[in-house]
Amino acid sequence: MQAIAGKHCLAVAQVGPDFMIVESPIELPPMPAELIVEIDGHAKRRSIYLPDGIRKTASRTRISPA
């Protein structure tokens, strides 16, 4: 799994209905993003919004539908 936020491509370890856990978080402001989940060679893309941005110190990043 990965998330594309601006020019950044971030590896995602876990996704829930309203959060994601980024493997190596960086500091990003609130912004739209795209979540890409690949299962059995088929990629599914979902537009999301990062209402709090991403913080290096937070274990979870809140997401909402875009």
C-alpha atoms as a PDB file:
ATOM      1  CA  MET A   1       0.000   0.000   0.000  1.00  0.00           C
ATOM      2  CA  GLN A   2       1.091   3.509  -0.635  1.00  0.00           C
ATOM      3  CA  ALA A   3      -0.186   7.047  -0.423  1.00  0.00           C
ATOM      4  CA  ILE A   4       0.622   9.818  -2.858  1.00  0.00           C
ATOM      5  CA  ALA A   5       0.505  13.224  -1.181  1.00  0.00           C
ATOM      6  CA  GLY A   6       1.767  16.113  -3.275  1.00  0.00           C
ATOM      7  CA  LYS A   7       5.136  15.013  -4.663  1.00  0.00           C
ATOM      8  CA  HIS A   8       5.630  12.398  -1.919  1.00  0.00           C
ATOM      9  CA  CYS A   9       5.048   8.657  -2.249  1.00  0.00           C
ATOM     10  CA  LEU A  10       4.706   7.102   1.220  1.00  0.00           C
ATOM     11  CA  ALA A  11       4.620   3.406   2.121  1.00  0.00           C
ATOM     12  CA  VAL A  12       1.515   2.613   4.168  1.00  0.00           C
ATOM     13  CA  ALA A  13       1.634  -0.212   6.720  1.00  0.00           C
ATOM     14  CA  GLN A  14      -2.043  -0.267   7.721  1.00  0.00           C
ATOM     15  CA  VAL A  15      -5.340   1.366   6.760  1.00  0.00           C
ATOM     16  CA  GLY A  16      -8.550   1.649   8.746  1.00  0.00           C
ATOM     17  CA  PRO A  17     -11.827   3.373   7.959  1.00  0.00           C
ATOM     18  CA  ASP A  18     -10.575   6.760   9.188  1.00  0.00           C
ATOM     19  CA  PHE A  19      -6.812   6.395   9.596  1.00  0.00           C
ATOM     20  CA  MET A  20      -3.631   5.086   8.010  1.00  0.00           C
ATOM     21  CA  ILE A  21      -0.267   4.208   9.484  1.00  0.00           C
ATOM     22  CA  VAL A  22       2.653   5.441   7.390  1.00  0.00           C
ATOM     23  CA  GLU A  23       5.831   3.346   7.642  1.00  0.00           C
ATOM     24  CA  SER A  24       8.203   6.342   7.636  1.00  0.00           C
ATOM     25  CA  PRO A  25       6.144   9.454   8.390  1.00  0.00           C
ATOM     26  CA  ILE A  26       7.264  12.905   7.307  1.00  0.00           C
ATOM     27  CA  GLU A  27       5.866  16.322   8.129  1.00  0.00           C
ATOM     28  CA  LEU A  28       3.140  17.366   5.670  1.00  0.00           C
ATOM     29  CA  PRO A  29       0.351  19.929   5.999  1.00  0.00           C
ATOM     30  CA  PRO A  30      -3.336  19.084   5.483  1.00  0.00           C
ATOM     31  CA  MET A  31      -3.868  18.184   1.811  1.00  0.00           C
ATOM     32  CA  PRO A  32      -5.617  15.821  -0.591  1.00  0.00           C
ATOM     33  CA  ALA A  33      -3.910  12.508  -1.289  1.00  0.00           C
ATOM     34  CA  GLU A  34      -4.459   9.242  -3.098  1.00  0.00           C
ATOM     35  CA  LEU A  35      -4.384   5.866  -1.372  1.00  0.00           C
ATOM     36  CA  ILE A  36      -3.288   2.964  -3.590  1.00  0.00           C
ATOM     37  CA  VAL A  37      -3.956  -0.602  -2.480  1.00  0.00           C
ATOM     38  CA  GLU A  38      -2.722  -3.455  -4.669  1.00  0.00           C
ATOM     39  CA  ILE A  39      -4.243  -6.904  -4.242  1.00  0.00           C
ATOM     40  CA  ASP A  40      -3.385  -9.811  -6.529  1.00  0.00           C
ATOM     41  CA  GLY A  41      -1.847  -7.460  -9.066  1.00  0.00           C
ATOM     42  CA  HIS A  42      -4.889  -5.175  -9.242  1.00  0.00           C
ATOM     43  CA  ALA A  43      -4.477  -1.633  -7.938  1.00  0.00           C
ATOM     44  CA  LYS A  44      -7.398   0.200  -6.356  1.00  0.00           C
ATOM     45  CA  ARG A  45      -7.099   3.953  -5.954  1.00  0.00           C
ATOM     46  CA  ARG A  46      -9.055   6.033  -3.489  1.00  0.00           C
ATOM     47  CA  SER A  47      -9.036   9.806  -3.150  1.00  0.00           C
ATOM     48  CA  ILE A  48      -8.602  10.842   0.475  1.00  0.00           C
ATOM     49  CA  TYR A  49      -7.976  13.994   2.457  1.00  0.00           C
ATOM     50  CA  LEU A  50      -5.430  14.363   5.254  1.00  0.00           C
ATOM     51  CA  PRO A  51      -7.277  16.796   7.576  1.00  0.00           C
ATOM     52  CA  ASP A  52      -4.376  16.983  10.050  1.00  0.00           C
ATOM     53  CA  GLY A  53      -1.602  16.418   7.532  1.00  0.00           C
ATOM     54  CA  ILE A  54       1.062  13.873   8.465  1.00  0.00           C
ATOM     55  CA  ARG A  55       3.227  14.240  11.562  1.00  0.00           C
ATOM     56  CA  LYS A  56       6.527  12.469  12.222  1.00  0.00           C
ATOM     57  CA  THR A  57       5.598  11.985  15.857  1.00  0.00           C
ATOM     58  CA  ALA A  58       2.094  10.540  15.328  1.00  0.00           C
ATOM     59  CA  SER A  59       1.610   6.806  14.916  1.00  0.00           C
ATOM     60  CA  ARG A  60      -1.702   7.259  13.059  1.00  0.00           C
ATOM     61  CA  THR A  61      -2.686   9.715  10.371  1.00  0.00           C
ATOM     62  CA  ARG A  62      -6.340  10.675  10.206  1.00  0.00           C
ATOM     63  CA  ILE A  63      -7.941  10.360   6.758  1.00  0.00           C
ATOM     64  CA  SER A  64     -11.334  11.289   5.362  1.00  0.00           C
ATOM     65  CA  PRO A  65     -13.016  10.916   1.970  1.00  0.00           C
ATOM     66  CA  ALA A  66     -11.956  13.578  -0.531  1.00  0.00           C
END
